[in-house]
C-alpha atoms as a PDB file:
ATOM      1  CA  UNK A   1      67.717  15.715  94.827  1.00  0.00           C
ATOM      2  CA  UNK A   2      64.881  13.251  95.566  1.00  0.00           C
ATOM      3  CA  UNK A   3      66.222   9.725  96.066  1.00  0.00           C
ATOM      4  CA  UNK A   4      63.580   7.165  95.265  1.00  0.00           C
ATOM      5  CA  UNK A   5      62.546   3.553  94.853  1.00  0.00           C
ATOM      6  CA  UNK A   6      59.667   2.896  92.451  1.00  0.00           C
ATOM      7  CA  UNK A   7      57.400  -0.059  93.269  1.00  0.00           C
ATOM      8  CA  UNK A   8      55.348  -0.974  90.211  1.00  0.00           C
ATOM      9  CA  UNK A   9      52.859  -3.434  88.710  1.00  0.00           C
ATOM     10  CA  UNK A  10      53.790  -2.304  85.201  1.00  0.00           C
ATOM     11  CA  UNK A  11      52.024  -4.317  82.527  1.00  0.00           C
ATOM     12  CA  UNK A  12      48.741  -3.601  80.789  1.00  0.00           C
ATOM     13  CA  UNK A  13      48.314   0.131  81.199  1.00  0.00           C
ATOM     14  CA  UNK A  14      50.936   2.527  79.890  1.00  0.00           C
ATOM     15  CA  UNK A  15      50.813   4.821  82.911  1.00  0.00           C
ATOM     16  CA  UNK A  16      53.318   2.774  84.957  1.00  0.00           C
ATOM     17  CA  UNK A  17      55.739   2.907  82.033  1.00  0.00           C
ATOM     18  CA  UNK A  18      55.168   6.644  81.626  1.00  0.00           C
ATOM     19  CA  UNK A  19      55.795   7.204  85.341  1.00  0.00           C
ATOM     20  CA  UNK A  20      59.083   5.298  85.158  1.00  0.00           C
ATOM     21  CA  UNK A  21      60.061   7.180  82.000  1.00  0.00           C
ATOM     22  CA  UNK A  22      59.293  10.528  83.643  1.00  0.00           C
ATOM     23  CA  UNK A  23      61.501   9.686  86.610  1.00  0.00           C
ATOM     24  CA  UNK A  24      64.269   8.355  84.372  1.00  0.00           C
ATOM     25  CA  UNK A  25      64.191  11.472  82.182  1.00  0.00           C
ATOM     26  CA  UNK A  26      64.333  13.864  85.149  1.00  0.00           C
ATOM     27  CA  UNK A  27      67.938  14.605  86.190  1.00  0.00           C
ATOM     28  CA  UNK A  28      66.694  15.979  89.524  1.00  0.00           C
ATOM     29  CA  UNK A  29      65.595  12.474  90.560  1.00  0.00           C
ATOM     30  CA  UNK A  30      67.933   9.685  91.665  1.00  0.00           C
ATOM     31  CA  UNK A  31      66.370   6.241  91.152  1.00  0.00           C
ATOM     32  CA  UNK A  32      68.098   3.699  93.407  1.00  0.00           C
ATOM     33  CA  UNK A  33      66.068   0.777  92.142  1.00  0.00           C
ATOM     34  CA  UNK A  34      62.737  -0.385  90.770  1.00  0.00           C
ATOM     35  CA  UNK A  35      60.761  -3.208  92.366  1.00  0.00           C
ATOM     36  CA  UNK A  36      57.949  -5.190  90.758  1.00  0.00           C
ATOM     37  CA  UNK A  37      54.848  -6.500  92.493  1.00  0.00           C
ATOM     38  CA  UNK A  38      51.654  -8.490  91.907  1.00  0.00           C
ATOM     39  CA  UNK A  39      51.185 -11.247  89.359  1.00  0.00           C
ATOM     40  CA  UNK A  40      54.002 -12.219  87.010  1.00  0.00           C
ATOM     41  CA  UNK A  41      56.734 -10.048  88.492  1.00  0.00           C
ATOM     42  CA  UNK A  42      59.284 -11.473  86.039  1.00  0.00           C
ATOM     43  CA  UNK A  43      57.398 -10.112  83.024  1.00  0.00           C
ATOM     44  CA  UNK A  44      56.866  -6.832  84.867  1.00  0.00           C
ATOM     45  CA  UNK A  45      60.617  -6.610  85.463  1.00  0.00           C
ATOM     46  CA  UNK A  46      61.344  -7.278  81.787  1.00  0.00           C
ATOM     47  CA  UNK A  47      58.911  -4.542  80.706  1.00  0.00           C
ATOM     48  CA  UNK A  48      60.549  -2.176  83.196  1.00  0.00           C
ATOM     49  CA  UNK A  49      63.937  -2.966  81.705  1.00  0.00           C
ATOM     50  CA  UNK A  50      62.690  -2.171  78.204  1.00  0.00           C
ATOM     51  CA  UNK A  51      61.440   1.243  79.340  1.00  0.00           C
ATOM     52  CA  UNK A  52      64.692   1.999  81.169  1.00  0.00           C
ATOM     53  CA  UNK A  53      66.767   0.945  78.162  1.00  0.00           C
ATOM     54  CA  UNK A  54      64.914   3.321  75.842  1.00  0.00           C
ATOM     55  CA  UNK A  55      65.133   6.075  78.465  1.00  0.00           C
ATOM     56  CA  UNK A  56      68.913   5.646  78.591  1.00  0.00           C
ATOM     57  CA  UNK A  57      68.918   4.355  82.188  1.00  0.00           C
ATOM     58  CA  UNK A  58      69.494   0.641  81.731  1.00  0.00           C
ATOM     59  CA  UNK A  59      71.924   0.644  84.674  1.00  0.00           C
ATOM     60  CA  UNK A  60      69.122   1.080  87.239  1.00  0.00           C
ATOM     61  CA  UNK A  61      68.703  -2.225  89.127  1.00  0.00           C
ATOM     62  CA  UNK A  62      65.397  -4.098  89.054  1.00  0.00           C
ATOM     63  CA  UNK A  63      64.185  -6.355  91.860  1.00  0.00           C
ATOM     64  CA  UNK A  64      61.344  -8.838  91.589  1.00  0.00           C
ATOM     65  CA  UNK A  65      58.847  -8.836  94.446  1.00  0.00           C
ATOM     66  CA  UNK A  66      55.765 -10.639  95.719  1.00  0.00           C
ATOM     67  CA  UNK A  67      53.352 -12.196  93.223  1.00  0.00           C
ATOM     68  CA  UNK A  68      50.341 -12.874  95.459  1.00  0.00           C
ATOM     69  CA  UNK A  69      48.256 -10.652  97.754  1.00  0.00           C
ATOM     70  CA  UNK A  70      48.820 -11.099 101.485  1.00  0.00           C
ATOM     71  CA  UNK A  71      45.705 -13.299 101.619  1.00  0.00           C
ATOM     72  CA  UNK A  72      46.627 -15.735  98.888  1.00  0.00           C
ATOM     73  CA  UNK A  73      43.125 -17.037  98.196  1.00  0.00           C
ATOM     74  CA  UNK A  74      42.339 -13.762  96.433  1.00  0.00           C
ATOM     75  CA  UNK A  75      42.557 -14.067  92.643  1.00  0.00           C
ATOM     76  CA  UNK A  76      45.235 -12.029  90.864  1.00  0.00           C
ATOM     77  CA  UNK A  77      43.965  -9.802  88.055  1.00  0.00           C
ATOM     78  CA  UNK A  78      45.916 -10.499  84.859  1.00  0.00           C
ATOM     79  CA  UNK A  79      44.726  -9.117  81.536  1.00  0.00           C
ATOM     80  CA  UNK A  80      46.831 -11.507  79.480  1.00  0.00           C
ATOM     81  CA  UNK A  81      48.555  -9.159  77.041  1.00  0.00           C
ATOM     82  CA  UNK A  82      51.259  -7.815  79.350  1.00  0.00           C
ATOM     83  CA  UNK A  83      54.396  -7.216  77.309  1.00  0.00           C
ATOM     84  CA  UNK A  84      52.605  -7.564  73.968  1.00  0.00           C
ATOM     85  CA  UNK A  85      54.557  -5.906  71.175  1.00  0.00           C
ATOM     86  CA  UNK A  86      57.650  -5.407  73.321  1.00  0.00           C
ATOM     87  CA  UNK A  87      61.083  -6.920  72.824  1.00  0.00           C
ATOM     88  CA  UNK A  88      61.405  -8.643  76.169  1.00  0.00           C
ATOM     89  CA  UNK A  89      64.394 -10.715  77.155  1.00  0.00           C
ATOM     90  CA  UNK A  90      67.147 -11.049  79.701  1.00  0.00           C
ATOM     91  CA  UNK A  91      68.516  -7.902  81.225  1.00  0.00           C
ATOM     92  CA  UNK A  92      71.895  -7.094  82.703  1.00  0.00           C
ATOM     93  CA  UNK A  93      70.913  -5.441  85.958  1.00  0.00           C
ATOM     94  CA  UNK A  94      68.408  -7.998  87.252  1.00  0.00           C
ATOM     95  CA  UNK A  95      69.156  -8.616  90.943  1.00  0.00           C
ATOM     96  CA  UNK A  96      68.848 -11.838  92.940  1.00  0.00           C
ATOM     97  CA  UNK A  97      67.956  -9.965  96.131  1.00  0.00           C
ATOM     98  CA  UNK A  98      64.225  -9.951  96.774  1.00  0.00           C
ATOM     99  CA  UNK A  99      62.430  -6.635  96.304  1.00  0.00           C
ATOM    100  CA  UNK A 100      61.224  -6.580  99.915  1.00  0.00           C
ATOM    101  CA  UNK A 101      64.731  -7.027 101.291  1.00  0.00           C
ATOM    102  CA  UNK A 102      66.046  -4.334  98.946  1.00  0.00           C
ATOM    103  CA  UNK A 103      63.403  -1.895 100.206  1.00  0.00           C
ATOM    104  CA  UNK A 104      64.240  -2.673 103.835  1.00  0.00           C
ATOM    105  CA  UNK A 105      67.996  -2.381 103.322  1.00  0.00           C
ATOM    106  CA  UNK A 106      67.823   0.880 101.384  1.00  0.00           C
ATOM    107  CA  UNK A 107      65.579   2.635 103.880  1.00  0.00           C
ATOM    108  CA  UNK A 108      67.299   1.389 107.026  1.00  0.00           C
ATOM    109  CA  UNK A 109      70.773   2.135 105.649  1.00  0.00           C
ATOM    110  CA  UNK A 110      69.716   5.622 104.512  1.00  0.00           C
ATOM    111  CA  UNK A 111      67.353   6.909 107.223  1.00  0.00           C
ATOM    112  CA  UNK A 112      65.263   9.889 106.194  1.00  0.00           C
ATOM    113  CA  UNK A 113      66.565   9.885 102.619  1.00  0.00           C
ATOM    114  CA  UNK A 114      64.507   7.395 100.581  1.00  0.00           C
ATOM    115  CA  UNK A 115      61.112   8.208  99.094  1.00  0.00           C
ATOM    116  CA  UNK A 116      58.979   5.243  98.054  1.00  0.00           C
ATOM    117  CA  UNK A 117      56.941   5.896  94.921  1.00  0.00           C
ATOM    118  CA  UNK A 118      54.306   3.166  94.803  1.00  0.00           C
ATOM    119  CA  UNK A 119      52.252   2.728  91.647  1.00  0.00           C
ATOM    120  CA  UNK A 120      50.814  -0.731  92.224  1.00  0.00           C
ATOM    121  CA  UNK A 121      49.266  -2.843  94.978  1.00  0.00           C
ATOM    122  CA  UNK A 122      51.020  -2.283  98.306  1.00  0.00           C
ATOM    123  CA  UNK A 123      52.045  -5.889  99.015  1.00  0.00           C
ATOM    124  CA  UNK A 124      55.824  -5.334  98.873  1.00  0.00           C
ATOM    125  CA  UNK A 125      55.628  -2.275 101.116  1.00  0.00           C
ATOM    126  CA  UNK A 126      53.328  -3.927 103.670  1.00  0.00           C
ATOM    127  CA  UNK A 127      55.557  -6.994 103.844  1.00  0.00           C
ATOM    128  CA  UNK A 128      58.614  -4.810 104.378  1.00  0.00           C
ATOM    129  CA  UNK A 129      56.783  -3.070 107.242  1.00  0.00           C
ATOM    130  CA  UNK A 130      55.840  -6.411 108.797  1.00  0.00           C
ATOM    131  CA  UNK A 131      59.472  -7.566 108.715  1.00  0.00           C
ATOM    132  CA  UNK A 132      60.941  -4.203 109.789  1.00  0.00           C
ATOM    133  CA  UNK A 133      58.343  -1.843 111.334  1.00  0.00           C
ATOM    134  CA  UNK A 134      60.998   0.862 111.795  1.00  0.00           C
ATOM    135  CA  UNK A 135      60.751   1.537 108.068  1.00  0.00           C
ATOM    136  CA  UNK A 136      57.800   3.784 108.900  1.00  0.00           C
ATOM    137  CA  UNK A 137      59.972   6.191 110.877  1.00  0.00           C
ATOM    138  CA  UNK A 138      62.982   5.959 108.577  1.00  0.00           C
ATOM    139  CA  UNK A 139      61.390   6.410 105.145  1.00  0.00           C
ATOM    140  CA  UNK A 140      61.361  10.023 104.005  1.00  0.00           C
ATOM    141  CA  UNK A 141      57.922   9.698 102.442  1.00  0.00           C
ATOM    142  CA  UNK A 142      55.626   7.341 100.580  1.00  0.00           C
ATOM    143  CA  UNK A 143      54.009   8.854  97.492  1.00  0.00           C
ATOM    144  CA  UNK A 144      51.377   6.419  96.298  1.00  0.00           C
ATOM    145  CA  UNK A 145      48.898   6.118  93.483  1.00  0.00           C
ATOM    146  CA  UNK A 146      46.107   4.440  95.408  1.00  0.00           C
ATOM    147  CA  UNK A 147      42.672   4.918  96.869  1.00  0.00           C
ATOM    148  CA  UNK A 148      39.747   7.268  96.483  1.00  0.00           C
ATOM    149  CA  UNK A 149      38.031   9.317  99.184  1.00  0.00           C
ATOM    150  CA  UNK A 150      35.323  11.013  97.075  1.00  0.00           C
ATOM    151  CA  UNK A 151      35.957  14.190  99.042  1.00  0.00           C
ATOM    152  CA  UNK A 152      37.330  16.244  96.140  1.00  0.00           C
ATOM    153  CA  UNK A 153      35.736  18.473  93.537  1.00  0.00           C
ATOM    154  CA  UNK A 154      34.565  15.564  91.332  1.00  0.00           C
ATOM    155  CA  UNK A 155      33.264  13.407  94.186  1.00  0.00           C
ATOM    156  CA  UNK A 156      29.963  12.491  92.537  1.00  0.00           C
ATOM    157  CA  UNK A 157      31.567  11.032  89.411  1.00  0.00           C
ATOM    158  CA  UNK A 158      33.958   8.554  91.025  1.00  0.00           C
ATOM    159  CA  UNK A 159      33.750   4.826  91.533  1.00  0.00           C
ATOM    160  CA  UNK A 160      34.077   3.955  95.254  1.00  0.00           C
ATOM    161  CA  UNK A 161      36.887   1.400  94.906  1.00  0.00           C
ATOM    162  CA  UNK A 162      40.366   1.904  93.408  1.00  0.00           C
ATOM    163  CA  UNK A 163      42.282  -0.938  91.704  1.00  0.00           C
ATOM    164  CA  UNK A 164      45.537  -0.895  93.703  1.00  0.00           C
ATOM    165  CA  UNK A 165      43.616  -1.008  96.984  1.00  0.00           C
ATOM    166  CA  UNK A 166      41.219  -3.699  95.754  1.00  0.00           C
ATOM    167  CA  UNK A 167      44.090  -5.967  94.684  1.00  0.00           C
ATOM    168  CA  UNK A 168      45.397  -6.174  98.265  1.00  0.00           C
ATOM    169  CA  UNK A 169      43.310  -4.229 100.794  1.00  0.00           C
ATOM    170  CA  UNK A 170      45.005  -5.889 103.767  1.00  0.00           C
ATOM    171  CA  UNK A 171      48.394  -4.668 102.551  1.00  0.00           C
ATOM    172  CA  UNK A 172      47.004  -1.175 102.022  1.00  0.00           C
ATOM    173  CA  UNK A 173      45.627  -1.140 105.561  1.00  0.00           C
ATOM    174  CA  UNK A 174      49.031  -2.040 106.993  1.00  0.00           C
ATOM    175  CA  UNK A 175      50.737   0.762 105.077  1.00  0.00           C
ATOM    176  CA  UNK A 176      48.196   3.440 105.976  1.00  0.00           C
ATOM    177  CA  UNK A 177      48.219   2.414 109.660  1.00  0.00           C
ATOM    178  CA  UNK A 178      52.022   2.363 109.855  1.00  0.00           C
ATOM    179  CA  UNK A 179      52.292   6.058 110.674  1.00  0.00           C
ATOM    180  CA  UNK A 180      54.686   6.663 107.774  1.00  0.00           C
ATOM    181  CA  UNK A 181      54.309  10.061 106.062  1.00  0.00           C
ATOM    182  CA  UNK A 182      52.181   9.442 102.979  1.00  0.00           C
ATOM    183  CA  UNK A 183      51.023  11.527 100.039  1.00  0.00           C
ATOM    184  CA  UNK A 184      48.069   9.796  98.424  1.00  0.00           C
ATOM    185  CA  UNK A 185      47.371  10.372  94.736  1.00  0.00           C
ATOM    186  CA  UNK A 186      44.043   8.653  94.208  1.00  0.00           C
ATOM    187  CA  UNK A 187      41.091   8.732  91.871  1.00  0.00           C
ATOM    188  CA  UNK A 188      40.074  12.065  93.409  1.00  0.00           C
ATOM    189  CA  UNK A 189      42.678  13.645  91.116  1.00  0.00           C
ATOM    190  CA  UNK A 190      43.727  10.964  88.638  1.00  0.00           C
ATOM    191  CA  UNK A 191      40.277  10.820  87.070  1.00  0.00           C
ATOM    192  CA  UNK A 192      40.736  14.481  86.164  1.00  0.00           C
ATOM    193  CA  UNK A 193      43.778  13.687  84.010  1.00  0.00           C
ATOM    194  CA  UNK A 194      43.094  11.809  80.787  1.00  0.00           C
ATOM    195  CA  UNK A 195      44.045  12.383  77.174  1.00  0.00           C
ATOM    196  CA  UNK A 196      42.236  11.494  73.966  1.00  0.00           C
ATOM    197  CA  UNK A 197      43.701   9.689  70.970  1.00  0.00           C
ATOM    198  CA  UNK A 198      43.989  13.049  69.201  1.00  0.00           C
ATOM    199  CA  UNK A 199      45.835  14.583  72.158  1.00  0.00           C
ATOM    200  CA  UNK A 200      48.181  11.600  72.223  1.00  0.00           C
ATOM    201  CA  UNK A 201      48.956  12.077  68.522  1.00  0.00           C
ATOM    202  CA  UNK A 202      49.691  15.764  69.095  1.00  0.00           C
ATOM    203  CA  UNK A 203      51.830  15.012  72.150  1.00  0.00           C
ATOM    204  CA  UNK A 204      53.930  12.249  70.606  1.00  0.00           C
ATOM    205  CA  UNK A 205      55.682  14.311  67.945  1.00  0.00           C
ATOM    206  CA  UNK A 206      59.344  13.654  68.679  1.00  0.00           C
ATOM    207  CA  UNK A 207      59.346  10.124  67.167  1.00  0.00           C
ATOM    208  CA  UNK A 208      61.864   8.760  69.666  1.00  0.00           C
ATOM    209  CA  UNK A 209      61.896   5.009  70.441  1.00  0.00           C
ATOM    210  CA  UNK A 210      60.749   5.759  74.005  1.00  0.00           C
ATOM    211  CA  UNK A 211      57.841   7.983  72.953  1.00  0.00           C
ATOM    212  CA  UNK A 212      56.801   5.485  70.286  1.00  0.00           C
ATOM    213  CA  UNK A 213      56.837   2.642  72.821  1.00  0.00           C
ATOM    214  CA  UNK A 214      54.675   4.562  75.282  1.00  0.00           C
ATOM    215  CA  UNK A 215      52.281   5.603  72.513  1.00  0.00           C
ATOM    216  CA  UNK A 216      51.954   1.981  71.403  1.00  0.00           C
ATOM    217  CA  UNK A 217      51.257   0.853  74.981  1.00  0.00           C
ATOM    218  CA  UNK A 218      48.527   3.486  75.357  1.00  0.00           C
ATOM    219  CA  UNK A 219      46.993   2.422  72.049  1.00  0.00           C
ATOM    220  CA  UNK A 220      47.002  -1.255  73.067  1.00  0.00           C
ATOM    221  CA  UNK A 221      45.340  -0.519  76.389  1.00  0.00           C
ATOM    222  CA  UNK A 222      42.694   1.761  74.852  1.00  0.00           C
ATOM    223  CA  UNK A 223      41.839  -0.953  72.324  1.00  0.00           C
ATOM    224  CA  UNK A 224      41.595  -3.523  75.127  1.00  0.00           C
ATOM    225  CA  UNK A 225      39.151  -1.313  77.051  1.00  0.00           C
ATOM    226  CA  UNK A 226      37.355  -0.208  73.860  1.00  0.00           C
ATOM    227  CA  UNK A 227      37.664   3.489  74.614  1.00  0.00           C
ATOM    228  CA  UNK A 228      39.248   6.536  72.971  1.00  0.00           C
ATOM    229  CA  UNK A 229      41.131   8.039  75.894  1.00  0.00           C
ATOM    230  CA  UNK A 230      43.797   7.064  78.413  1.00  0.00           C
ATOM    231  CA  UNK A 231      44.179   7.998  82.055  1.00  0.00           C
ATOM    232  CA  UNK A 232      47.621   9.152  83.203  1.00  0.00           C
ATOM    233  CA  UNK A 233      47.355   8.207  86.870  1.00  0.00           C
ATOM    234  CA  UNK A 234      50.770   6.882  87.899  1.00  0.00           C
ATOM    235  CA  UNK A 235      52.967   9.663  86.434  1.00  0.00           C
ATOM    236  CA  UNK A 236      51.285  12.164  88.754  1.00  0.00           C
ATOM    237  CA  UNK A 237      53.158  10.598  91.684  1.00  0.00           C
ATOM    238  CA  UNK A 238      56.509  11.251  90.022  1.00  0.00           C
ATOM    239  CA  UNK A 239      55.526  14.767  88.958  1.00  0.00           C
ATOM    240  CA  UNK A 240      55.101  15.715  92.630  1.00  0.00           C
ATOM    241  CA  UNK A 241      58.821  15.143  93.118  1.00  0.00           C
ATOM    242  CA  UNK A 242      59.333  17.949  90.606  1.00  0.00           C
ATOM    243  CA  UNK A 243      56.552  20.362  91.575  1.00  0.00           C
ATOM    244  CA  UNK A 244      54.349  19.938  94.659  1.00  0.00           C
ATOM    245  CA  UNK A 245      52.036  22.714  93.524  1.00  0.00           C
ATOM    246  CA  UNK A 246      50.542  20.394  90.901  1.00  0.00           C
ATOM    247  CA  UNK A 247      48.102  19.113  93.527  1.00  0.00           C
ATOM    248  CA  UNK A 248      46.300  20.528  96.533  1.00  0.00           C
ATOM    249  CA  UNK A 249      46.116  18.198  99.517  1.00  0.00           C
ATOM    250  CA  UNK A 250      44.317  17.827 102.820  1.00  0.00           C
ATOM    251  CA  UNK A 251      45.628  15.960 105.864  1.00  0.00           C
ATOM    252  CA  UNK A 252      43.579  12.905 106.736  1.00  0.00           C
ATOM    253  CA  UNK A 253      43.541   9.623 108.553  1.00  0.00           C
ATOM    254  CA  UNK A 254      42.893   6.798 106.102  1.00  0.00           C
ATOM    255  CA  UNK A 255      41.340   3.451 106.943  1.00  0.00           C
ATOM    256  CA  UNK A 256      40.608   0.578 104.570  1.00  0.00           C
ATOM    257  CA  UNK A 257      37.335  -1.326 104.863  1.00  0.00           C
ATOM    258  CA  UNK A 258      38.288  -5.022 104.809  1.00  0.00           C
ATOM    259  CA  UNK A 259      35.134  -6.629 106.196  1.00  0.00           C
ATOM    260  CA  UNK A 260      31.715  -7.116 104.683  1.00  0.00           C
ATOM    261  CA  UNK A 261      30.718  -6.855 101.044  1.00  0.00           C
ATOM    262  CA  UNK A 262      28.940  -3.538 100.701  1.00  0.00           C
ATOM    263  CA  UNK A 263      32.026  -1.375 101.243  1.00  0.00           C
ATOM    264  CA  UNK A 264      34.878  -3.871 100.825  1.00  0.00           C
ATOM    265  CA  UNK A 265      38.190  -2.180  99.863  1.00  0.00           C
ATOM    266  CA  UNK A 266      36.737   1.297 100.355  1.00  0.00           C
ATOM    267  CA  UNK A 267      39.252   4.006 101.267  1.00  0.00           C
ATOM    268  CA  UNK A 268      37.723   5.918 104.166  1.00  0.00           C
ATOM    269  CA  UNK A 269      39.207   9.399 104.598  1.00  0.00           C
ATOM    270  CA  UNK A 270      38.686  11.377 107.794  1.00  0.00           C
ATOM    271  CA  UNK A 271      40.062  14.942 107.790  1.00  0.00           C
ATOM    272  CA  UNK A 272      42.555  15.308 110.638  1.00  0.00           C
ATOM    273  CA  UNK A 273      45.303  17.849 111.231  1.00  0.00           C
ATOM    274  CA  UNK A 274      47.352  15.092 112.865  1.00  0.00           C
ATOM    275  CA  UNK A 275      46.696  12.507 110.156  1.00  0.00           C
ATOM    276  CA  UNK A 276      49.723  10.965 108.456  1.00  0.00           C
ATOM    277  CA  UNK A 277      48.228  11.077 104.943  1.00  0.00           C
ATOM    278  CA  UNK A 278      48.166  14.135 102.664  1.00  0.00           C
ATOM    279  CA  UNK A 279      45.298  13.305 100.310  1.00  0.00           C
ATOM    280  CA  UNK A 280      45.383  14.936  96.872  1.00  0.00           C
ATOM    281  CA  UNK A 281      41.989  16.501  96.123  1.00  0.00           C
ATOM    282  CA  UNK A 282      42.666  18.992  93.312  1.00  0.00           C
ATOM    283  CA  UNK A 283      45.125  18.965  90.410  1.00  0.00           C
ATOM    284  CA  UNK A 284      46.469  21.467  87.895  1.00  0.00           C
ATOM    285  CA  UNK A 285      46.024  19.318  84.792  1.00  0.00           C
ATOM    286  CA  UNK A 286      47.823  21.654  82.396  1.00  0.00           C
ATOM    287  CA  UNK A 287      50.846  22.068  84.658  1.00  0.00           C
ATOM    288  CA  UNK A 288      51.161  18.287  84.957  1.00  0.00           C
ATOM    289  CA  UNK A 289      50.798  17.675  81.215  1.00  0.00           C
ATOM    290  CA  UNK A 290      53.380  20.367  80.461  1.00  0.00           C
ATOM    291  CA  UNK A 291      55.963  18.612  82.637  1.00  0.00           C
ATOM    292  CA  UNK A 292      55.127  15.248  81.099  1.00  0.00           C
ATOM    293  CA  UNK A 293      55.342  16.530  77.548  1.00  0.00           C
ATOM    294  CA  UNK A 294      58.638  18.348  78.090  1.00  0.00           C
ATOM    295  CA  UNK A 295      60.333  15.439  79.887  1.00  0.00           C
ATOM    296  CA  UNK A 296      59.007  12.363  78.103  1.00  0.00           C
ATOM    297  CA  UNK A 297      57.451  13.207  74.752  1.00  0.00           C
ATOM    298  CA  UNK A 298      59.876  15.855  73.507  1.00  0.00           C
ATOM    299  CA  UNK A 299      63.227  15.139  71.900  1.00  0.00           C
END
């Protein structure tokens, strides 16, 4: 049974919420805690609690993390409608321990057992590594939604910078250089997985409170971006805990470009048999959507 911590910047886009719901609705996965990062971590924690409550897993503890990037002069992206339409309030299992300390304690007290699933900027994880570098050799794996190498099948159609890296490139650099075993789920595959409004309507047929919440969040985000489709990036990370064959990977060394303007926050992938990062380059879209539909959007 995979034992995980989810580190999330849940808020505007529904895909964080869908990823958490997929993990919560999968009995094969043991969620030890969820940590929030970047921006208003209190609101992010409250949104997380709402998703967990509707998924029937309100007992999972939530820990608030770091609000600012490592270099604090960098502006935090905040859309302004985070939590809109949700019934947010106090929650029972909020913890006073800081998210970073929780991550350190869980990994060091359970060597080789904890998988970090990161679906936001990597500030919490980088800070944990700065405080306790031995995390890198004691974490089972880091599965992250981050980055883009433009080395996959759709390389010509991808933007060169990915949001989670751009939000805190210094933190990302620390994590990639730590030597920890990493599976990277970046734009190379996530941009191949999107669903239209019509597909969403067909998928959300069970009319459960959880499915209705996630559908509403997707609708809100599509309206905000003025488009008729939604990407499902973050849930791919969780799906790999259930079926690794969903993606095809290639071992690489990853470096983050932090200097200059022309390639700032670029994820540079160099194929290497000894690299610590398995970069996802191809994805079985139908296999992923089947898992998601059966676990989250079916009664």
